[in-house]
Amino acid sequence: MKVKVKLYGTLSSNVPEYKPSQGIEVEIPDDATVKDLLAYLEISETRGAAVIANGRVLNANDELQNGSSLDVFQSIHGG
Protein backbone atom coordinates (compact mmCIF):
# COMPACT_ATOMS: atom_id res chain seq x y z
CA MET A 1 0.00 0.00 0.00
CA LYS A 2 1.04 3.61 -0.42
CA VAL A 3 0.68 6.38 2.15
CA LYS A 4 1.66 10.03 2.02
CA VAL A 5 3.71 11.26 4.95
CA LYS A 6 4.59 14.77 6.13
CA LEU A 7 7.35 14.99 8.72
CA TYR A 8 7.71 17.84 11.20
CA GLY A 9 10.61 19.01 13.37
CA THR A 10 13.89 17.21 12.74
CA LEU A 11 12.23 13.89 11.83
CA SER A 12 13.11 14.29 8.17
CA SER A 13 16.86 14.14 8.89
CA ASN A 14 16.93 10.38 8.13
CA VAL A 15 15.02 10.74 4.86
CA PRO A 16 17.37 12.32 2.30
CA GLU A 17 14.79 12.55 -0.51
CA TYR A 18 12.25 14.29 1.72
CA LYS A 19 10.81 17.61 0.50
CA PRO A 20 8.96 19.52 3.27
CA SER A 21 6.56 21.24 0.87
CA GLN A 22 5.43 17.93 -0.66
CA GLY A 23 6.02 15.27 1.95
CA ILE A 24 6.92 11.80 0.76
CA GLU A 25 4.93 8.86 -0.55
CA VAL A 26 6.08 5.52 0.81
CA GLU A 27 5.12 1.98 -0.07
CA ILE A 28 4.70 -0.35 2.87
CA PRO A 29 3.11 -3.80 3.32
CA ASP A 30 -0.70 -3.98 3.26
CA ASP A 31 -0.98 -4.87 6.95
CA ALA A 32 1.53 -2.26 8.16
CA THR A 33 1.03 -0.51 11.47
CA VAL A 34 2.18 2.89 12.71
CA LYS A 35 5.16 1.14 14.33
CA ASP A 36 6.09 -0.43 10.96
CA LEU A 37 5.92 2.96 9.23
CA LEU A 38 8.19 4.58 11.82
CA ALA A 39 10.67 1.71 11.48
CA TYR A 40 10.61 2.10 7.68
CA LEU A 41 11.36 5.83 8.07
CA GLU A 42 14.10 5.01 10.61
CA ILE A 43 12.39 7.03 13.34
CA SER A 44 13.20 5.30 16.63
CA GLU A 45 10.61 4.91 19.36
CA THR A 46 12.82 6.98 21.67
CA ARG A 47 12.12 10.09 19.57
CA GLY A 48 8.50 9.98 20.70
CA ALA A 49 6.90 10.67 17.33
CA ALA A 50 3.14 11.23 17.17
CA VAL A 51 1.37 10.05 14.01
CA ILE A 52 -1.90 11.74 13.09
CA ALA A 53 -4.47 10.75 10.45
CA ASN A 54 -7.72 12.61 9.91
CA GLY A 55 -7.26 14.63 13.10
CA ARG A 56 -6.79 11.50 15.22
CA VAL A 57 -3.59 10.52 17.03
CA LEU A 58 -2.81 6.92 16.15
CA ASN A 59 -1.41 4.26 18.47
CA ALA A 60 1.71 2.27 17.57
CA ASN A 61 -0.31 -0.86 16.75
CA ASP A 62 -3.00 0.85 14.64
CA GLU A 63 -3.10 -0.48 11.09
CA LEU A 64 -2.68 2.06 8.32
CA GLN A 65 -5.02 2.41 5.36
CA ASN A 66 -3.96 2.57 1.72
CA GLY A 67 -3.92 6.14 0.44
CA SER A 68 -3.85 7.73 3.90
CA SER A 69 -2.23 11.10 4.49
CA LEU A 70 -0.25 11.03 7.71
CA ASP A 71 1.39 13.80 9.71
CA VAL A 72 4.30 12.75 11.91
CA PHE A 73 5.19 15.20 14.66
CA GLN A 74 8.23 15.24 16.85
CA SER A 75 7.60 15.33 20.59
CA ILE A 76 8.70 18.48 22.34
CA HIS A 77 10.06 18.38 25.85
CA GLY A 78 10.83 21.18 28.19
CA GLY A 79 9.30 23.43 30.66
PDB file of N, CA and C in Angstrom:
ATOM      1  N   MET A   1       0.838  -1.167   0.000  1.00  0.00           N
ATOM      2  CA  MET A   1       0.000   0.000   0.000  1.00  0.00           C
ATOM      3  C   MET A   1       0.887   1.235   0.000  1.00  0.00           C
ATOM      4  N   LYS A   2       0.321   2.343  -0.410  1.00  0.00           N
ATOM      5  CA  LYS A   2       1.041   3.611  -0.416  1.00  0.00           C
ATOM      6  C   LYS A   2       0.358   4.589   0.526  1.00  0.00           C
ATOM      7  N   VAL A   3       1.184   5.325   1.275  1.00  0.00           N
ATOM      8  CA  VAL A   3       0.682   6.378   2.152  1.00  0.00           C
ATOM      9  C   VAL A   3       1.536   7.619   1.935  1.00  0.00           C
ATOM     10  N   LYS A   4       0.930   8.771   2.143  1.00  0.00           N
ATOM     11  CA  LYS A   4       1.657  10.027   2.024  1.00  0.00           C
ATOM     12  C   LYS A   4       1.993  10.508   3.432  1.00  0.00           C
ATOM     13  N   VAL A   5       3.239  10.905   3.622  1.00  0.00           N
ATOM     14  CA  VAL A   5       3.707  11.264   4.954  1.00  0.00           C
ATOM     15  C   VAL A   5       4.327  12.655   4.928  1.00  0.00           C
ATOM     16  N   LYS A   6       3.942  13.481   5.901  1.00  0.00           N
ATOM     17  CA  LYS A   6       4.594  14.772   6.127  1.00  0.00           C
ATOM     18  C   LYS A   6       5.274  14.698   7.483  1.00  0.00           C
ATOM     19  N   LEU A   7       6.545  15.051   7.505  1.00  0.00           N
ATOM     20  CA  LEU A   7       7.351  14.989   8.716  1.00  0.00           C
ATOM     21  C   LEU A   7       7.591  16.391   9.251  1.00  0.00           C
ATOM     22  N   TYR A   8       7.533  16.533  10.566  1.00  0.00           N
ATOM     23  CA  TYR A   8       7.713  17.838  11.199  1.00  0.00           C
ATOM     24  C   TYR A   8       8.864  17.779  12.197  1.00  0.00           C
ATOM     25  N   GLY A   9       9.451  18.946  12.487  1.00  0.00           N
ATOM     26  CA  GLY A   9      10.611  19.006  13.370  1.00  0.00           C
ATOM     27  C   GLY A   9      11.831  18.472  12.641  1.00  0.00           C
ATOM     28  N   THR A  10      12.668  17.750  13.349  1.00  0.00           N
ATOM     29  CA  THR A  10      13.894  17.209  12.743  1.00  0.00           C
ATOM     30  C   THR A  10      13.713  15.773  12.260  1.00  0.00           C
ATOM     31  N   LEU A  11      12.487  15.288  12.209  1.00  0.00           N
ATOM     32  CA  LEU A  11      12.231  13.891  11.834  1.00  0.00           C
ATOM     33  C   LEU A  11      12.642  13.565  10.403  1.00  0.00           C
ATOM     34  N   SER A  12      12.745  14.559   9.560  1.00  0.00           N
ATOM     35  CA  SER A  12      13.110  14.294   8.165  1.00  0.00           C
ATOM     36  C   SER A  12      14.610  14.092   7.978  1.00  0.00           C
ATOM     37  N   SER A  13      15.395  14.231   9.026  1.00  0.00           N
ATOM     38  CA  SER A  13      16.856  14.137   8.892  1.00  0.00           C
ATOM     39  C   SER A  13      17.327  12.773   8.398  1.00  0.00           C
ATOM     40  N   ASN A  14      16.555  11.722   8.600  1.00  0.00           N
ATOM     41  CA  ASN A  14      16.934  10.381   8.128  1.00  0.00           C
ATOM     42  C   ASN A  14      16.373  10.049   6.755  1.00  0.00           C
ATOM     43  N   VAL A  15      15.665  10.997   6.148  1.00  0.00           N
ATOM     44  CA  VAL A  15      15.017  10.742   4.858  1.00  0.00           C
ATOM     45  C   VAL A  15      15.580  11.731   3.837  1.00  0.00           C
ATOM     46  N   PRO A  16      16.681  11.375   3.178  1.00  0.00           N
ATOM     47  CA  PRO A  16      17.368  12.324   2.299  1.00  0.00           C
ATOM     48  C   PRO A  16      16.526  12.868   1.153  1.00  0.00           C
ATOM     49  N   GLU A  17      15.594  12.097   0.622  1.00  0.00           N
ATOM     50  CA  GLU A  17      14.787  12.549  -0.513  1.00  0.00           C
ATOM     51  C   GLU A  17      13.553  13.331  -0.083  1.00  0.00           C
ATOM     52  N   TYR A  18      13.425  13.622   1.195  1.00  0.00           N
ATOM     53  CA  TYR A  18      12.247  14.294   1.722  1.00  0.00           C
ATOM     54  C   TYR A  18      12.206  15.767   1.321  1.00  0.00           C
ATOM     55  N   LYS A  19      11.035  16.206   0.854  1.00  0.00           N
ATOM     56  CA  LYS A  19      10.811  17.610   0.497  1.00  0.00           C
ATOM     57  C   LYS A  19       9.674  18.131   1.384  1.00  0.00           C
ATOM     58  N   PRO A  20       9.976  19.063   2.313  1.00  0.00           N
ATOM     59  CA  PRO A  20       8.965  19.523   3.266  1.00  0.00           C
ATOM     60  C   PRO A  20       7.680  20.044   2.628  1.00  0.00           C
ATOM     61  N   SER A  21       7.766  20.679   1.488  1.00  0.00           N
ATOM     62  CA  SER A  21       6.564  21.241   0.868  1.00  0.00           C
ATOM     63  C   SER A  21       5.649  20.163   0.274  1.00  0.00           C
ATOM     64  N   GLN A  22       6.207  18.994  -0.024  1.00  0.00           N
ATOM     65  CA  GLN A  22       5.433  17.934  -0.662  1.00  0.00           C
ATOM     66  C   GLN A  22       5.206  16.712   0.214  1.00  0.00           C
ATOM     67  N   GLY A  23       6.060  16.510   1.191  1.00  0.00           N
ATOM     68  CA  GLY A  23       6.018  15.269   1.953  1.00  0.00           C
ATOM     69  C   GLY A  23       6.655  14.166   1.127  1.00  0.00           C
ATOM     70  N   ILE A  24       6.356  12.945   1.473  1.00  0.00           N
ATOM     71  CA  ILE A  24       6.916  11.805   0.759  1.00  0.00           C
ATOM     72  C   ILE A  24       5.855  10.701   0.689  1.00  0.00           C
ATOM     73  N   GLU A  25       5.822  10.009  -0.426  1.00  0.00           N
ATOM     74  CA  GLU A  25       4.930   8.858  -0.548  1.00  0.00           C
ATOM     75  C   GLU A  25       5.780   7.616  -0.345  1.00  0.00           C
ATOM     76  N   VAL A  26       5.334   6.746   0.542  1.00  0.00           N
ATOM     77  CA  VAL A  26       6.079   5.522   0.810  1.00  0.00           C
ATOM     78  C   VAL A  26       5.200   4.314   0.549  1.00  0.00           C
ATOM     79  N   GLU A  27       5.829   3.238   0.157  1.00  0.00           N
ATOM     80  CA  GLU A  27       5.116   1.985  -0.069  1.00  0.00           C
ATOM     81  C   GLU A  27       5.508   1.022   1.042  1.00  0.00           C
ATOM     82  N   ILE A  28       4.509   0.548   1.751  1.00  0.00           N
ATOM     83  CA  ILE A  28       4.699  -0.354   2.872  1.00  0.00           C
ATOM     84  C   ILE A  28       3.755  -1.536   2.710  1.00  0.00           C
ATOM     85  N   PRO A  29       3.989  -2.626   3.444  1.00  0.00           N
ATOM     86  CA  PRO A  29       3.106  -3.797   3.321  1.00  0.00           C
ATOM     87  C   PRO A  29       1.652  -3.464   3.658  1.00  0.00           C
ATOM     88  N   ASP A  30       0.732  -4.225   3.093  1.00  0.00           N
ATOM     89  CA  ASP A  30      -0.703  -3.982   3.257  1.00  0.00           C
ATOM     90  C   ASP A  30      -1.172  -4.004   4.706  1.00  0.00           C
ATOM     91  N   ASP A  31      -0.539  -4.779   5.553  1.00  0.00           N
ATOM     92  CA  ASP A  31      -0.977  -4.872   6.948  1.00  0.00           C
ATOM     93  C   ASP A  31      -0.092  -4.053   7.893  1.00  0.00           C
ATOM     94  N   ALA A  32       0.586  -3.042   7.363  1.00  0.00           N
ATOM     95  CA  ALA A  32       1.525  -2.256   8.158  1.00  0.00           C
ATOM     96  C   ALA A  32       0.831  -1.442   9.241  1.00  0.00           C
ATOM     97  N   THR A  33       1.524  -1.305  10.350  1.00  0.00           N
ATOM     98  CA  THR A  33       1.033  -0.511  11.473  1.00  0.00           C
ATOM     99  C   THR A  33       1.842   0.786  11.552  1.00  0.00           C
ATOM    100  N   VAL A  34       1.444   1.649  12.467  1.00  0.00           N
ATOM    101  CA  VAL A  34       2.184   2.886  12.711  1.00  0.00           C
ATOM    102  C   VAL A  34       3.639   2.553  13.068  1.00  0.00           C
ATOM    103  N   LYS A  35       3.815   1.558  13.911  1.00  0.00           N
ATOM    104  CA  LYS A  35       5.157   1.139  14.326  1.00  0.00           C
ATOM    105  C   LYS A  35       5.987   0.719  13.112  1.00  0.00           C
ATOM    106  N   ASP A  36       5.386   0.002  12.172  1.00  0.00           N
ATOM    107  CA  ASP A  36       6.087  -0.425  10.956  1.00  0.00           C
ATOM    108  C   ASP A  36       6.497   0.779  10.119  1.00  0.00           C
ATOM    109  N   LEU A  37       5.614   1.756   9.999  1.00  0.00           N
ATOM    110  CA  LEU A  37       5.923   2.964   9.231  1.00  0.00           C
ATOM    111  C   LEU A  37       7.105   3.701   9.839  1.00  0.00           C
ATOM    112  N   LEU A  38       7.093   3.873  11.154  1.00  0.00           N
ATOM    113  CA  LEU A  38       8.190   4.579  11.817  1.00  0.00           C
ATOM    114  C   LEU A  38       9.504   3.830  11.644  1.00  0.00           C
ATOM    115  N   ALA A  39       9.464   2.511  11.703  1.00  0.00           N
ATOM    116  CA  ALA A  39      10.672   1.712  11.479  1.00  0.00           C
ATOM    117  C   ALA A  39      11.171   1.900  10.040  1.00  0.00           C
ATOM    118  N   TYR A  40      10.253   1.893   9.084  1.00  0.00           N
ATOM    119  CA  TYR A  40      10.612   2.102   7.676  1.00  0.00           C
ATOM    120  C   TYR A  40      11.296   3.452   7.486  1.00  0.00           C
ATOM    121  N   LEU A  41      10.797   4.474   8.173  1.00  0.00           N
ATOM    122  CA  LEU A  41      11.357   5.825   8.065  1.00  0.00           C
ATOM    123  C   LEU A  41      12.572   6.029   8.975  1.00  0.00           C
ATOM    124  N   GLU A  42      12.956   4.973   9.691  1.00  0.00           N
ATOM    125  CA  GLU A  42      14.097   5.014  10.615  1.00  0.00           C
ATOM    126  C   GLU A  42      13.915   6.067  11.710  1.00  0.00           C
ATOM    127  N   ILE A  43      12.700   6.143  12.222  1.00  0.00           N
ATOM    128  CA  ILE A  43      12.385   7.025  13.344  1.00  0.00           C
ATOM    129  C   ILE A  43      12.235   6.125  14.562  1.00  0.00           C
ATOM    130  N   SER A  44      13.205   6.196  15.474  1.00  0.00           N
ATOM    131  CA  SER A  44      13.195   5.302  16.629  1.00  0.00           C
ATOM    132  C   SER A  44      12.092   5.681  17.605  1.00  0.00           C
ATOM    133  N   GLU A  45      11.668   4.693  18.372  1.00  0.00           N
ATOM    134  CA  GLU A  45      10.615   4.910  19.362  1.00  0.00           C
ATOM    135  C   GLU A  45      11.047   5.925  20.413  1.00  0.00           C
ATOM    136  N   THR A  46      12.332   6.058  20.644  1.00  0.00           N
ATOM    137  CA  THR A  46      12.821   6.982  21.666  1.00  0.00           C
ATOM    138  C   THR A  46      12.626   8.446  21.269  1.00  0.00           C
ATOM    139  N   ARG A  47      12.348   8.705  20.001  1.00  0.00           N
ATOM    140  CA  ARG A  47      12.118  10.088  19.567  1.00  0.00           C
ATOM    141  C   ARG A  47      10.698  10.548  19.875  1.00  0.00           C
ATOM    142  N   GLY A  48       9.840   9.622  20.266  1.00  0.00           N
ATOM    143  CA  GLY A  48       8.497   9.979  20.698  1.00  0.00           C
ATOM    144  C   GLY A  48       7.643  10.621  19.635  1.00  0.00           C
ATOM    145  N   ALA A  49       7.690  10.104  18.422  1.00  0.00           N
ATOM    146  CA  ALA A  49       6.902  10.674  17.331  1.00  0.00           C
ATOM    147  C   ALA A  49       5.413  10.403  17.530  1.00  0.00           C
ATOM    148  N   ALA A  50       4.599  11.376  17.150  1.00  0.00           N
ATOM    149  CA  ALA A  50       3.139  11.229  17.170  1.00  0.00           C
ATOM    150  C   ALA A  50       2.658  11.217  15.726  1.00  0.00           C
ATOM    151  N   VAL A  51       1.886  10.191  15.373  1.00  0.00           N
ATOM    152  CA  VAL A  51       1.369  10.048  14.015  1.00  0.00           C
ATOM    153  C   VAL A  51      -0.123  10.375  14.038  1.00  0.00           C
ATOM    154  N   ILE A  52      -0.523  11.267  13.134  1.00  0.00           N
ATOM    155  CA  ILE A  52      -1.901  11.739  13.095  1.00  0.00           C
ATOM    156  C   ILE A  52      -2.488  11.491  11.711  1.00  0.00           C
ATOM    157  N   ALA A  53      -3.716  10.959  11.693  1.00  0.00           N
ATOM    158  CA  ALA A  53      -4.466  10.754  10.448  1.00  0.00           C
ATOM    159  C   ALA A  53      -5.886  11.237  10.681  1.00  0.00           C
ATOM    160  N   ASN A  54      -6.354  12.097   9.810  1.00  0.00           N
ATOM    161  CA  ASN A  54      -7.722  12.614   9.908  1.00  0.00           C
ATOM    162  C   ASN A  54      -8.022  13.227  11.277  1.00  0.00           C
ATOM    163  N   GLY A  55      -7.057  13.949  11.824  1.00  0.00           N
ATOM    164  CA  GLY A  55      -7.256  14.625  13.099  1.00  0.00           C
ATOM    165  C   GLY A  55      -7.211  13.720  14.314  1.00  0.00           C
ATOM    166  N   ARG A  56      -6.825  12.476  14.134  1.00  0.00           N
ATOM    167  CA  ARG A  56      -6.788  11.497  15.222  1.00  0.00           C
ATOM    168  C   ARG A  56      -5.365  11.016  15.443  1.00  0.00           C
ATOM    169  N   VAL A  57      -4.908  11.053  16.693  1.00  0.00           N
ATOM    170  CA  VAL A  57      -3.590  10.522  17.035  1.00  0.00           C
ATOM    171  C   VAL A  57      -3.686   9.004  17.034  1.00  0.00           C
ATOM    172  N   LEU A  58      -2.792   8.376  16.272  1.00  0.00           N
ATOM    173  CA  LEU A  58      -2.808   6.921  16.149  1.00  0.00           C
ATOM    174  C   LEU A  58      -1.903   6.274  17.182  1.00  0.00           C
ATOM    175  N   ASN A  59      -2.250   5.062  17.571  1.00  0.00           N
ATOM    176  CA  ASN A  59      -1.413   4.257  18.467  1.00  0.00           C
ATOM    177  C   ASN A  59      -0.410   3.464  17.636  1.00  0.00           C
ATOM    178  N   ALA A  60       0.648   2.999  18.264  1.00  0.00           N
ATOM    179  CA  ALA A  60       1.708   2.275  17.569  1.00  0.00           C
ATOM    180  C   ALA A  60       1.204   1.046  16.830  1.00  0.00           C
ATOM    181  N   ASN A  61       0.186   0.380  17.362  1.00  0.00           N
ATOM    182  CA  ASN A  61      -0.307  -0.856  16.748  1.00  0.00           C
ATOM    183  C   ASN A  61      -1.489  -0.656  15.818  1.00  0.00           C
ATOM    184  N   ASP A  62      -1.900   0.588  15.580  1.00  0.00           N
ATOM    185  CA  ASP A  62      -2.996   0.848  14.641  1.00  0.00           C
ATOM    186  C   ASP A  62      -2.550   0.523  13.222  1.00  0.00           C
ATOM    187  N   GLU A  63      -3.395  -0.178  12.487  1.00  0.00           N
ATOM    188  CA  GLU A  63      -3.096  -0.482  11.090  1.00  0.00           C
ATOM    189  C   GLU A  63      -3.371   0.742  10.236  1.00  0.00           C
ATOM    190  N   LEU A  64      -2.536   0.927   9.231  1.00  0.00           N
ATOM    191  CA  LEU A  64      -2.681   2.055   8.316  1.00  0.00           C
ATOM    192  C   LEU A  64      -3.556   1.656   7.138  1.00  0.00           C
ATOM    193  N   GLN A  65      -4.148   2.647   6.506  1.00  0.00           N
ATOM    194  CA  GLN A  65      -5.020   2.413   5.359  1.00  0.00           C
ATOM    195  C   GLN A  65      -4.346   2.909   4.085  1.00  0.00           C
ATOM    196  N   ASN A  66      -4.511   2.179   3.013  1.00  0.00           N
ATOM    197  CA  ASN A  66      -3.958   2.574   1.724  1.00  0.00           C
ATOM    198  C   ASN A  66      -4.460   3.966   1.341  1.00  0.00           C
ATOM    199  N   GLY A  67      -3.556   4.811   0.891  1.00  0.00           N
ATOM    200  CA  GLY A  67      -3.917   6.144   0.441  1.00  0.00           C
ATOM    201  C   GLY A  67      -4.019   7.181   1.543  1.00  0.00           C
ATOM    202  N   SER A  68      -3.752   6.786   2.772  1.00  0.00           N
ATOM    203  CA  SER A  68      -3.851   7.728   3.896  1.00  0.00           C
ATOM    204  C   SER A  68      -2.811   8.834   3.786  1.00  0.00           C
ATOM    205  N   SER A  69      -3.167   9.998   4.316  1.00  0.00           N
ATOM    206  CA  SER A  69      -2.228  11.101   4.486  1.00  0.00           C
ATOM    207  C   SER A  69      -1.936  11.194   5.970  1.00  0.00           C
ATOM    208  N   LEU A  70      -0.663  11.083   6.314  1.00  0.00           N
ATOM    209  CA  LEU A  70      -0.250  11.031   7.708  1.00  0.00           C
ATOM    210  C   LEU A  70       0.680  12.192   8.029  1.00  0.00           C
ATOM    211  N   ASP A  71       0.497  12.774   9.194  1.00  0.00           N
ATOM    212  CA  ASP A  71       1.393  13.798   9.708  1.00  0.00           C
ATOM    213  C   ASP A  71       2.148  13.177  10.875  1.00  0.00           C
ATOM    214  N   VAL A  72       3.477  13.308  10.844  1.00  0.00           N
ATOM    215  CA  VAL A  72       4.301  12.750  11.907  1.00  0.00           C
ATOM    216  C   VAL A  72       5.006  13.905  12.600  1.00  0.00           C
ATOM    217  N   PHE A  73       4.652  14.105  13.869  1.00  0.00           N
ATOM    218  CA  PHE A  73       5.190  15.201  14.659  1.00  0.00           C
ATOM    219  C   PHE A  73       6.207  14.705  15.653  1.00  0.00           C
ATOM    220  N   GLN A  74       7.204  15.522  15.873  1.00  0.00           N
ATOM    221  CA  GLN A  74       8.227  15.243  16.850  1.00  0.00           C
ATOM    222  C   GLN A  74       7.753  15.724  18.217  1.00  0.00           C
ATOM    223  N   SER A  75       7.945  14.906  19.237  1.00  0.00           N
ATOM    224  CA  SER A  75       7.597  15.326  20.592  1.00  0.00           C
ATOM    225  C   SER A  75       8.501  16.475  21.025  1.00  0.00           C
ATOM    226  N   ILE A  76       7.936  17.351  21.819  1.00  0.00           N
ATOM    227  CA  ILE A  76       8.696  18.483  22.337  1.00  0.00           C
ATOM    228  C   ILE A  76       8.710  18.354  23.842  1.00  0.00           C
ATOM    229  N   HIS A  77       9.899  18.478  24.407  1.00  0.00           N
ATOM    230  CA  HIS A  77      10.062  18.379  25.848  1.00  0.00           C
ATOM    231  C   HIS A  77      10.584  19.701  26.368  1.00  0.00           C
ATOM    232  N   GLY A  78      10.303  19.977  27.583  1.00  0.00           N
ATOM    233  CA  GLY A  78      10.829  21.183  28.194  1.00  0.00           C
ATOM    234  C   GLY A  78       9.869  21.720  29.226  1.00  0.00           C
ATOM    235  N   GLY A  79      10.175  22.877  29.644  1.00  0.00           N
ATOM    236  CA  GLY A  79       9.295  23.427  30.661  1.00  0.00           C
ATOM    237  C   GLY A  79       9.437  24.912  30.786  1.00  0.00           C
TER     238      GLY A  79
END
